[in-house]
């Protein structure tokens, strides 16, 4: 039985595709700058490692993408900006 912490190959590829879309790049150096992480950490994410909660929070702050969608591929892709004054 496989550990839940390890993504299956299909989930892994899908996560990387969503991460590249959210960050707008598949280049580790650009991703590292966007997320304020090391080059090696960005390479790890591009190889399918899930970012920790602090990095996921950074992605949510710097992109319009939903973290739930990024991690699972389910639900709304984009989130409404919480500071949007049009909300009632």
N, C-alpha and C. Protein backbone atom coordinates (compact mmCIF):
# COMPACT_ATOMS: atom_id res chain seq x y z
N UNK A 1 0.86 -1.19 0.00
CA UNK A 1 0.00 0.00 0.00
C UNK A 1 0.90 1.24 0.00
N UNK A 2 0.55 2.16 -0.87
CA UNK A 2 1.35 3.36 -1.04
C UNK A 2 0.99 4.40 0.03
N UNK A 3 1.98 5.10 0.50
CA UNK A 3 1.75 6.16 1.47
C UNK A 3 0.97 7.29 0.83
N UNK A 4 0.10 7.92 1.57
CA UNK A 4 -0.68 9.04 1.05
C UNK A 4 0.20 10.27 0.81
N UNK A 5 1.34 10.35 1.43
CA UNK A 5 2.21 11.52 1.26
C UNK A 5 2.87 11.57 -0.11
N UNK A 6 3.00 10.40 -0.73
CA UNK A 6 3.64 10.32 -2.05
C UNK A 6 2.57 10.34 -3.12
N UNK A 7 2.70 11.27 -4.06
CA UNK A 7 1.74 11.33 -5.15
C UNK A 7 1.98 10.19 -6.13
N UNK A 8 0.91 9.73 -6.74
CA UNK A 8 1.09 8.76 -7.82
C UNK A 8 1.70 9.50 -9.01
N UNK A 9 2.24 8.78 -9.96
CA UNK A 9 2.86 9.42 -11.11
C UNK A 9 1.88 10.33 -11.84
N UNK A 10 0.65 9.90 -12.00
CA UNK A 10 -0.35 10.72 -12.70
C UNK A 10 -0.65 11.99 -11.92
N UNK A 11 -0.84 11.86 -10.61
CA UNK A 11 -1.09 13.04 -9.78
C UNK A 11 0.11 13.97 -9.82
N UNK A 12 1.29 13.38 -9.79
CA UNK A 12 2.55 14.11 -9.82
C UNK A 12 2.64 14.98 -11.07
N UNK A 13 2.40 14.38 -12.23
CA UNK A 13 2.47 15.11 -13.50
C UNK A 13 1.41 16.20 -13.53
N UNK A 14 0.21 15.89 -13.09
CA UNK A 14 -0.87 16.87 -13.08
C UNK A 14 -0.55 18.04 -12.16
N UNK A 15 0.00 17.74 -10.98
CA UNK A 15 0.38 18.82 -10.06
C UNK A 15 1.42 19.73 -10.70
N UNK A 16 2.43 19.14 -11.31
CA UNK A 16 3.50 19.95 -11.93
C UNK A 16 2.91 20.83 -13.03
N UNK A 17 2.00 20.28 -13.83
CA UNK A 17 1.37 21.07 -14.89
C UNK A 17 0.60 22.26 -14.30
N UNK A 18 -0.11 22.03 -13.22
CA UNK A 18 -0.87 23.12 -12.58
C UNK A 18 0.08 24.14 -11.96
N UNK A 19 1.17 23.67 -11.35
CA UNK A 19 2.14 24.58 -10.74
C UNK A 19 2.77 25.48 -11.81
N UNK A 20 3.15 24.90 -12.93
CA UNK A 20 3.74 25.68 -14.03
C UNK A 20 2.74 26.72 -14.52
N UNK A 21 1.48 26.32 -14.65
CA UNK A 21 0.45 27.27 -15.09
C UNK A 21 0.31 28.40 -14.08
N UNK A 22 0.23 28.07 -12.80
CA UNK A 22 0.03 29.09 -11.77
C UNK A 22 1.21 30.05 -11.68
N UNK A 23 2.42 29.52 -11.81
CA UNK A 23 3.62 30.36 -11.69
C UNK A 23 4.00 31.02 -13.01
N UNK A 24 3.42 30.54 -14.10
CA UNK A 24 3.69 31.13 -15.40
C UNK A 24 5.07 30.78 -15.96
N UNK A 25 5.70 29.75 -15.41
CA UNK A 25 7.03 29.35 -15.89
C UNK A 25 7.34 27.92 -15.51
N UNK A 26 8.14 27.28 -16.33
CA UNK A 26 8.66 25.95 -15.97
C UNK A 26 10.15 26.04 -15.69
N UNK A 27 10.67 27.27 -15.60
CA UNK A 27 12.09 27.47 -15.32
C UNK A 27 12.32 27.62 -13.82
N UNK A 28 13.16 26.74 -13.25
CA UNK A 28 13.37 26.78 -11.80
C UNK A 28 13.83 28.15 -11.28
N UNK A 29 14.69 28.83 -12.00
CA UNK A 29 15.20 30.12 -11.51
C UNK A 29 14.08 31.16 -11.41
N UNK A 30 13.21 31.20 -12.41
CA UNK A 30 12.09 32.15 -12.37
C UNK A 30 11.10 31.79 -11.26
N UNK A 31 10.82 30.49 -11.13
CA UNK A 31 9.91 30.04 -10.10
C UNK A 31 10.49 30.34 -8.71
N UNK A 32 11.77 30.12 -8.55
CA UNK A 32 12.44 30.39 -7.27
C UNK A 32 12.30 31.86 -6.88
N UNK A 33 12.47 32.75 -7.85
CA UNK A 33 12.32 34.19 -7.56
C UNK A 33 10.89 34.54 -7.20
N UNK A 34 9.93 34.00 -7.96
CA UNK A 34 8.52 34.28 -7.69
C UNK A 34 8.11 33.85 -6.29
N UNK A 35 8.60 32.68 -5.88
CA UNK A 35 8.14 32.08 -4.62
C UNK A 35 9.08 32.33 -3.44
N UNK A 36 10.18 33.03 -3.69
CA UNK A 36 11.18 33.26 -2.63
C UNK A 36 11.68 31.96 -2.03
N UNK A 37 12.02 31.02 -2.91
CA UNK A 37 12.59 29.75 -2.47
C UNK A 37 13.92 29.54 -3.19
N UNK A 38 14.67 28.55 -2.77
CA UNK A 38 15.94 28.24 -3.43
C UNK A 38 15.70 27.64 -4.80
N UNK A 39 16.71 27.72 -5.65
CA UNK A 39 16.66 27.10 -6.97
C UNK A 39 16.36 25.60 -6.82
N UNK A 40 17.03 24.95 -5.86
CA UNK A 40 16.82 23.52 -5.65
C UNK A 40 15.39 23.22 -5.23
N UNK A 41 14.81 24.05 -4.37
CA UNK A 41 13.42 23.84 -3.95
C UNK A 41 12.50 23.94 -5.16
N UNK A 42 12.72 24.94 -6.01
CA UNK A 42 11.90 25.09 -7.22
C UNK A 42 12.04 23.86 -8.12
N UNK A 43 13.26 23.35 -8.26
CA UNK A 43 13.47 22.13 -9.06
C UNK A 43 12.71 20.96 -8.44
N UNK A 44 12.73 20.85 -7.12
CA UNK A 44 12.00 19.78 -6.44
C UNK A 44 10.50 19.87 -6.75
N UNK A 45 9.94 21.08 -6.71
CA UNK A 45 8.51 21.26 -7.00
C UNK A 45 8.23 20.86 -8.44
N UNK A 46 9.12 21.24 -9.36
CA UNK A 46 8.94 20.90 -10.77
C UNK A 46 9.10 19.40 -11.02
N UNK A 47 9.72 18.70 -10.07
CA UNK A 47 9.83 17.25 -10.14
C UNK A 47 8.69 16.56 -9.39
N UNK A 48 7.74 17.34 -8.87
CA UNK A 48 6.55 16.77 -8.27
C UNK A 48 6.44 16.85 -6.77
N UNK A 49 7.43 17.41 -6.09
CA UNK A 49 7.32 17.53 -4.63
C UNK A 49 6.31 18.63 -4.31
N UNK A 50 5.41 18.33 -3.39
CA UNK A 50 4.44 19.35 -2.98
C UNK A 50 5.13 20.40 -2.11
N UNK A 51 4.90 21.67 -2.40
CA UNK A 51 5.45 22.72 -1.55
C UNK A 51 4.84 22.66 -0.15
N UNK A 52 5.57 23.17 0.84
CA UNK A 52 5.00 23.22 2.19
C UNK A 52 3.97 24.34 2.28
N UNK A 53 3.32 24.43 3.42
CA UNK A 53 2.21 25.38 3.56
C UNK A 53 2.64 26.83 3.38
N UNK A 54 3.85 27.18 3.80
CA UNK A 54 4.31 28.56 3.62
C UNK A 54 4.45 28.92 2.14
N UNK A 55 4.95 27.99 1.35
CA UNK A 55 5.10 28.24 -0.08
C UNK A 55 3.73 28.27 -0.76
N UNK A 56 2.84 27.38 -0.35
CA UNK A 56 1.48 27.42 -0.90
C UNK A 56 0.82 28.76 -0.59
N UNK A 57 1.06 29.28 0.60
CA UNK A 57 0.52 30.59 0.98
C UNK A 57 1.09 31.68 0.07
N UNK A 58 2.38 31.61 -0.21
CA UNK A 58 3.02 32.59 -1.10
C UNK A 58 2.39 32.52 -2.50
N UNK A 59 2.17 31.30 -2.99
CA UNK A 59 1.53 31.16 -4.31
C UNK A 59 0.16 31.83 -4.29
N UNK A 60 -0.59 31.61 -3.21
CA UNK A 60 -1.93 32.20 -3.13
C UNK A 60 -1.89 33.72 -3.08
N UNK A 61 -0.83 34.26 -2.49
CA UNK A 61 -0.70 35.72 -2.38
C UNK A 61 -0.21 36.36 -3.68
N UNK A 62 0.56 35.61 -4.47
CA UNK A 62 1.21 36.20 -5.65
C UNK A 62 0.56 35.81 -6.97
N UNK A 63 -0.42 34.91 -6.93
CA UNK A 63 -1.13 34.51 -8.14
C UNK A 63 -2.63 34.49 -7.84
N UNK A 64 -3.47 34.50 -8.87
CA UNK A 64 -4.92 34.42 -8.64
C UNK A 64 -5.42 32.98 -8.49
N UNK A 65 -4.50 32.01 -8.47
CA UNK A 65 -4.90 30.61 -8.49
C UNK A 65 -5.29 30.10 -7.10
N UNK A 66 -6.29 29.21 -7.10
CA UNK A 66 -6.76 28.56 -5.88
C UNK A 66 -5.77 27.49 -5.45
N UNK A 67 -5.41 27.49 -4.20
CA UNK A 67 -4.50 26.47 -3.68
C UNK A 67 -5.17 25.09 -3.72
N UNK A 68 -6.47 25.05 -3.45
CA UNK A 68 -7.19 23.77 -3.53
C UNK A 68 -7.07 23.21 -4.95
N UNK A 69 -7.30 24.05 -5.96
CA UNK A 69 -7.17 23.60 -7.34
C UNK A 69 -5.73 23.18 -7.64
N UNK A 70 -4.78 23.98 -7.20
CA UNK A 70 -3.38 23.68 -7.47
C UNK A 70 -3.00 22.30 -6.93
N UNK A 71 -3.40 22.02 -5.71
CA UNK A 71 -3.01 20.76 -5.07
C UNK A 71 -3.83 19.58 -5.58
N UNK A 72 -5.13 19.79 -5.80
CA UNK A 72 -6.01 18.65 -6.12
C UNK A 72 -6.45 18.59 -7.59
N UNK A 73 -6.43 19.72 -8.27
CA UNK A 73 -6.97 19.77 -9.63
C UNK A 73 -8.49 19.86 -9.63
N UNK A 74 -9.09 20.07 -8.47
CA UNK A 74 -10.55 20.11 -8.35
C UNK A 74 -11.01 21.50 -7.91
N UNK A 75 -12.28 21.79 -8.17
CA UNK A 75 -12.86 23.06 -7.74
C UNK A 75 -12.48 24.21 -8.65
N UNK A 76 -12.73 25.41 -8.16
CA UNK A 76 -12.47 26.62 -8.94
C UNK A 76 -10.97 26.82 -9.11
N UNK A 77 -10.57 27.17 -10.33
CA UNK A 77 -9.15 27.40 -10.61
C UNK A 77 -8.69 28.72 -10.00
N UNK A 78 -9.55 29.73 -10.07
CA UNK A 78 -9.17 31.06 -9.58
C UNK A 78 -9.97 31.42 -8.34
N UNK A 79 -9.38 32.21 -7.48
CA UNK A 79 -10.08 32.67 -6.29
C UNK A 79 -10.37 34.15 -6.43
N UNK A 80 -11.44 34.56 -5.79
CA UNK A 80 -11.76 35.97 -5.76
C UNK A 80 -10.79 36.66 -4.82
N UNK A 81 -10.35 37.81 -5.19
CA UNK A 81 -9.46 38.57 -4.32
C UNK A 81 -10.25 38.98 -3.08
N UNK A 82 -9.75 38.62 -1.90
CA UNK A 82 -10.44 38.93 -0.65
C UNK A 82 -10.56 40.43 -0.40
N UNK A 83 -9.76 41.21 -1.07
CA UNK A 83 -9.80 42.67 -0.87
C UNK A 83 -10.67 43.35 -1.92
N UNK A 84 -11.36 42.56 -2.74
CA UNK A 84 -12.21 43.11 -3.78
C UNK A 84 -13.36 43.89 -3.14
N UNK A 85 -13.44 45.18 -3.42
CA UNK A 85 -14.43 46.05 -2.79
C UNK A 85 -15.82 45.86 -3.35
N UNK A 86 -15.94 45.13 -4.48
CA UNK A 86 -17.24 44.90 -5.09
C UNK A 86 -18.03 43.81 -4.40
N UNK A 87 -17.41 43.09 -3.50
CA UNK A 87 -18.11 42.00 -2.82
C UNK A 87 -19.14 42.56 -1.88
N UNK A 88 -20.28 41.87 -1.81
CA UNK A 88 -21.36 42.34 -0.92
C UNK A 88 -21.74 41.26 0.06
